[in-house]
Amino acid sequence: MTALTPAAAADRTGVSIDTLRYYEREGLIGPIRRSGGGRREYTEDDVFWIGLVTCFRDAGLGIADLRGFVAVLRAEHSPQERVAFLRERRAALEQRVTALRQAMQVLDEKIAYYS
């Protein structure tokens, strides 16, 4: 198993080392393995989780939602419970998309008006 340094993991995932530590503190990733000297060593599984968390963060999910998501995935929940959780978050994102489209329409109208 290949171990990545924090710098290598940050480079692979596109997040800062501080963000990696923050995700670990919040329980969104990890626990991260440590070397004999106490240095963090990231695995491919950790990189996958970091990518998943980053994707959902980019989609606008808050830390509380992410904690809930990680808890559902890590616990012994049924697939139906996991799907229900994800569908709820998707519905919330769909509402945000609708609101953003409406805001863009208003901006377009104002741009046309002032042009």
C-alpha atoms as a PDB file:
ATOM      1  CA  MET A   1       0.000   0.000   0.000  1.00  0.00           C
ATOM      2  CA  THR A   2       1.412   3.363  -1.040  1.00  0.00           C
ATOM      3  CA  ALA A   3       1.508   5.996   1.667  1.00  0.00           C
ATOM      4  CA  LEU A   4       1.270   9.638   0.659  1.00  0.00           C
ATOM      5  CA  THR A   5       2.724  12.514   2.603  1.00  0.00           C
ATOM      6  CA  PRO A   6       0.366  15.355   3.474  1.00  0.00           C
ATOM      7  CA  ALA A   7       1.917  17.437   0.689  1.00  0.00           C
ATOM      8  CA  ALA A   8       1.426  14.644  -1.856  1.00  0.00           C
ATOM      9  CA  ALA A   9      -2.156  14.057  -0.707  1.00  0.00           C
ATOM     10  CA  ALA A  10      -2.869  17.786  -0.945  1.00  0.00           C
ATOM     11  CA  ASP A  11      -1.392  17.868  -4.439  1.00  0.00           C
ATOM     12  CA  ARG A  12      -3.408  14.831  -5.575  1.00  0.00           C
ATOM     13  CA  THR A  13      -6.689  16.155  -4.200  1.00  0.00           C
ATOM     14  CA  GLY A  14      -6.283  19.852  -4.960  1.00  0.00           C
ATOM     15  CA  VAL A  15      -6.860  20.971  -1.377  1.00  0.00           C
ATOM     16  CA  SER A  16      -4.435  22.571   1.031  1.00  0.00           C
ATOM     17  CA  ILE A  17      -2.706  20.770   3.875  1.00  0.00           C
ATOM     18  CA  ASP A  18      -4.710  22.955   6.257  1.00  0.00           C
ATOM     19  CA  THR A  19      -7.921  21.717   4.614  1.00  0.00           C
ATOM     20  CA  LEU A  20      -6.796  18.109   5.036  1.00  0.00           C
ATOM     21  CA  ARG A  21      -6.220  18.711   8.735  1.00  0.00           C
ATOM     22  CA  TYR A  22      -9.565  20.483   9.027  1.00  0.00           C
ATOM     23  CA  TYR A  23     -11.400  17.589   7.366  1.00  0.00           C
ATOM     24  CA  GLU A  24      -9.674  15.193   9.751  1.00  0.00           C
ATOM     25  CA  ARG A  25     -10.521  17.303  12.838  1.00  0.00           C
ATOM     26  CA  GLU A  26     -14.162  17.450  11.731  1.00  0.00           C
ATOM     27  CA  GLY A  27     -14.275  13.671  11.292  1.00  0.00           C
ATOM     28  CA  LEU A  28     -14.939  13.908   7.569  1.00  0.00           C
ATOM     29  CA  ILE A  29     -11.878  11.813   6.716  1.00  0.00           C
ATOM     30  CA  GLY A  30      -9.760   9.414   8.658  1.00  0.00           C
ATOM     31  CA  PRO A  31      -8.616   8.520  11.069  1.00  0.00           C
ATOM     32  CA  ILE A  32      -5.431   9.098   9.127  1.00  0.00           C
ATOM     33  CA  ARG A  33      -2.695   6.555   9.643  1.00  0.00           C
ATOM     34  CA  ARG A  34       0.507   7.753  11.317  1.00  0.00           C
ATOM     35  CA  SER A  35       4.077   6.666  10.726  1.00  0.00           C
ATOM     36  CA  GLY A  36       6.291   5.482  13.559  1.00  0.00           C
ATOM     37  CA  GLY A  37       7.483   9.070  13.857  1.00  0.00           C
ATOM     38  CA  GLY A  38       3.915  10.386  14.105  1.00  0.00           C
ATOM     39  CA  ARG A  39       3.655  11.808  10.589  1.00  0.00           C
ATOM     40  CA  ARG A  40       0.384  11.494   8.706  1.00  0.00           C
ATOM     41  CA  GLU A  41       0.334   8.939   5.890  1.00  0.00           C
ATOM     42  CA  TYR A  42      -2.570   9.111   3.464  1.00  0.00           C
ATOM     43  CA  THR A  43      -3.811   6.020   1.628  1.00  0.00           C
ATOM     44  CA  GLU A  44      -5.681   5.734  -1.668  1.00  0.00           C
ATOM     45  CA  ASP A  45      -8.855   5.234   0.386  1.00  0.00           C
ATOM     46  CA  ASP A  46      -8.156   8.525   2.180  1.00  0.00           C
ATOM     47  CA  VAL A  47      -7.664  10.239  -1.191  1.00  0.00           C
ATOM     48  CA  PHE A  48     -11.032   8.848  -2.333  1.00  0.00           C
ATOM     49  CA  TRP A  49     -12.772  10.207   0.798  1.00  0.00           C
ATOM     50  CA  ILE A  50     -11.088  13.578   0.419  1.00  0.00           C
ATOM     51  CA  GLY A  51     -12.316  13.756  -3.180  1.00  0.00           C
ATOM     52  CA  LEU A  52     -15.843  12.840  -2.114  1.00  0.00           C
ATOM     53  CA  VAL A  53     -15.921  15.412   0.671  1.00  0.00           C
ATOM     54  CA  THR A  54     -14.442  18.066  -1.625  1.00  0.00           C
ATOM     55  CA  CYS A  55     -17.023  17.322  -4.312  1.00  0.00           C
ATOM     56  CA  PHE A  56     -19.892  17.744  -1.872  1.00  0.00           C
ATOM     57  CA  ARG A  57     -18.308  20.875  -0.375  1.00  0.00           C
ATOM     58  CA  ASP A  58     -18.039  22.333  -3.878  1.00  0.00           C
ATOM     59  CA  ALA A  59     -21.712  21.487  -4.370  1.00  0.00           C
ATOM     60  CA  GLY A  60     -22.529  23.667  -1.379  1.00  0.00           C
ATOM     61  CA  LEU A  61     -23.102  21.114   1.352  1.00  0.00           C
ATOM     62  CA  GLY A  62     -22.246  22.441   4.775  1.00  0.00           C
ATOM     63  CA  ILE A  63     -20.062  20.761   7.344  1.00  0.00           C
ATOM     64  CA  ALA A  64     -23.104  19.485   9.272  1.00  0.00           C
ATOM     65  CA  ASP A  65     -24.456  17.830   6.111  1.00  0.00           C
ATOM     66  CA  LEU A  66     -21.045  16.337   5.430  1.00  0.00           C
ATOM     67  CA  ARG A  67     -20.800  14.959   8.963  1.00  0.00           C
ATOM     68  CA  GLY A  68     -24.221  13.375   8.460  1.00  0.00           C
ATOM     69  CA  PHE A  69     -23.194  11.948   5.115  1.00  0.00           C
ATOM     70  CA  VAL A  70     -19.998  10.434   6.491  1.00  0.00           C
ATOM     71  CA  ALA A  71     -21.870   9.012   9.477  1.00  0.00           C
ATOM     72  CA  VAL A  72     -24.445   7.367   7.199  1.00  0.00           C
ATOM     73  CA  LEU A  73     -21.765   5.862   4.972  1.00  0.00           C
ATOM     74  CA  ARG A  74     -19.568   4.628   7.807  1.00  0.00           C
ATOM     75  CA  ALA A  75     -22.335   3.237  10.000  1.00  0.00           C
ATOM     76  CA  GLU A  76     -24.360   0.113   9.451  1.00  0.00           C
ATOM     77  CA  HIS A  77     -27.199   1.867   7.636  1.00  0.00           C
ATOM     78  CA  SER A  78     -29.237   0.113   5.005  1.00  0.00           C
ATOM     79  CA  PRO A  79     -28.746   1.080   1.367  1.00  0.00           C
ATOM     80  CA  GLN A  80     -32.255   2.599   1.439  1.00  0.00           C
ATOM     81  CA  GLU A  81     -31.269   4.915   4.306  1.00  0.00           C
ATOM     82  CA  ARG A  82     -28.161   5.989   2.421  1.00  0.00           C
ATOM     83  CA  VAL A  83     -30.151   6.649  -0.733  1.00  0.00           C
ATOM     84  CA  ALA A  84     -32.778   8.592   1.235  1.00  0.00           C
ATOM     85  CA  PHE A  85     -30.078  10.783   2.762  1.00  0.00           C
ATOM     86  CA  LEU A  86     -28.521  11.460  -0.635  1.00  0.00           C
ATOM     87  CA  ARG A  87     -31.894  12.181  -2.246  1.00  0.00           C
ATOM     88  CA  GLU A  88     -32.670  14.747   0.459  1.00  0.00           C
ATOM     89  CA  ARG A  89     -29.385  16.513  -0.203  1.00  0.00           C
ATOM     90  CA  ARG A  90     -29.968  16.347  -3.951  1.00  0.00           C
ATOM     91  CA  ALA A  91     -33.410  17.917  -3.560  1.00  0.00           C
ATOM     92  CA  ALA A  92     -31.880  20.741  -1.517  1.00  0.00           C
ATOM     93  CA  LEU A  93     -29.265  21.298  -4.221  1.00  0.00           C
ATOM     94  CA  GLU A  94     -31.984  21.320  -6.874  1.00  0.00           C
ATOM     95  CA  GLN A  95     -33.742  24.102  -4.952  1.00  0.00           C
ATOM     96  CA  ARG A  96     -30.481  26.061  -4.834  1.00  0.00           C
ATOM     97  CA  VAL A  97     -30.007  25.601  -8.587  1.00  0.00           C
ATOM     98  CA  THR A  98     -33.516  26.944  -9.184  1.00  0.00           C
ATOM     99  CA  ALA A  99     -32.822  29.955  -6.960  1.00  0.00           C
ATOM    100  CA  LEU A 100     -29.534  30.610  -8.763  1.00  0.00           C
ATOM    101  CA  ARG A 101     -31.237  30.437 -12.157  1.00  0.00           C
ATOM    102  CA  GLN A 102     -33.838  32.952 -10.996  1.00  0.00           C
ATOM    103  CA  ALA A 103     -31.106  35.262  -9.697  1.00  0.00           C
ATOM    104  CA  MET A 104     -29.259  34.982 -13.014  1.00  0.00           C
ATOM    105  CA  GLN A 105     -32.451  35.858 -14.884  1.00  0.00           C
ATOM    106  CA  VAL A 106     -32.884  38.990 -12.777  1.00  0.00           C
ATOM    107  CA  LEU A 107     -29.250  39.940 -13.400  1.00  0.00           C
ATOM    108  CA  ASP A 108     -29.671  39.373 -17.137  1.00  0.00           C
ATOM    109  CA  GLU A 109     -32.764  41.598 -17.117  1.00  0.00           C
ATOM    110  CA  LYS A 110     -30.859  44.336 -15.285  1.00  0.00           C
ATOM    111  CA  ILE A 111     -27.913  44.033 -17.655  1.00  0.00           C
ATOM    112  CA  ALA A 112     -30.273  44.341 -20.629  1.00  0.00           C
ATOM    113  CA  TYR A 113     -32.032  47.302 -19.013  1.00  0.00           C
ATOM    114  CA  TYR A 114     -28.829  49.215 -18.344  1.00  0.00           C
ATOM    115  CA  SER A 115     -27.146  48.331 -21.650  1.00  0.00           C
END
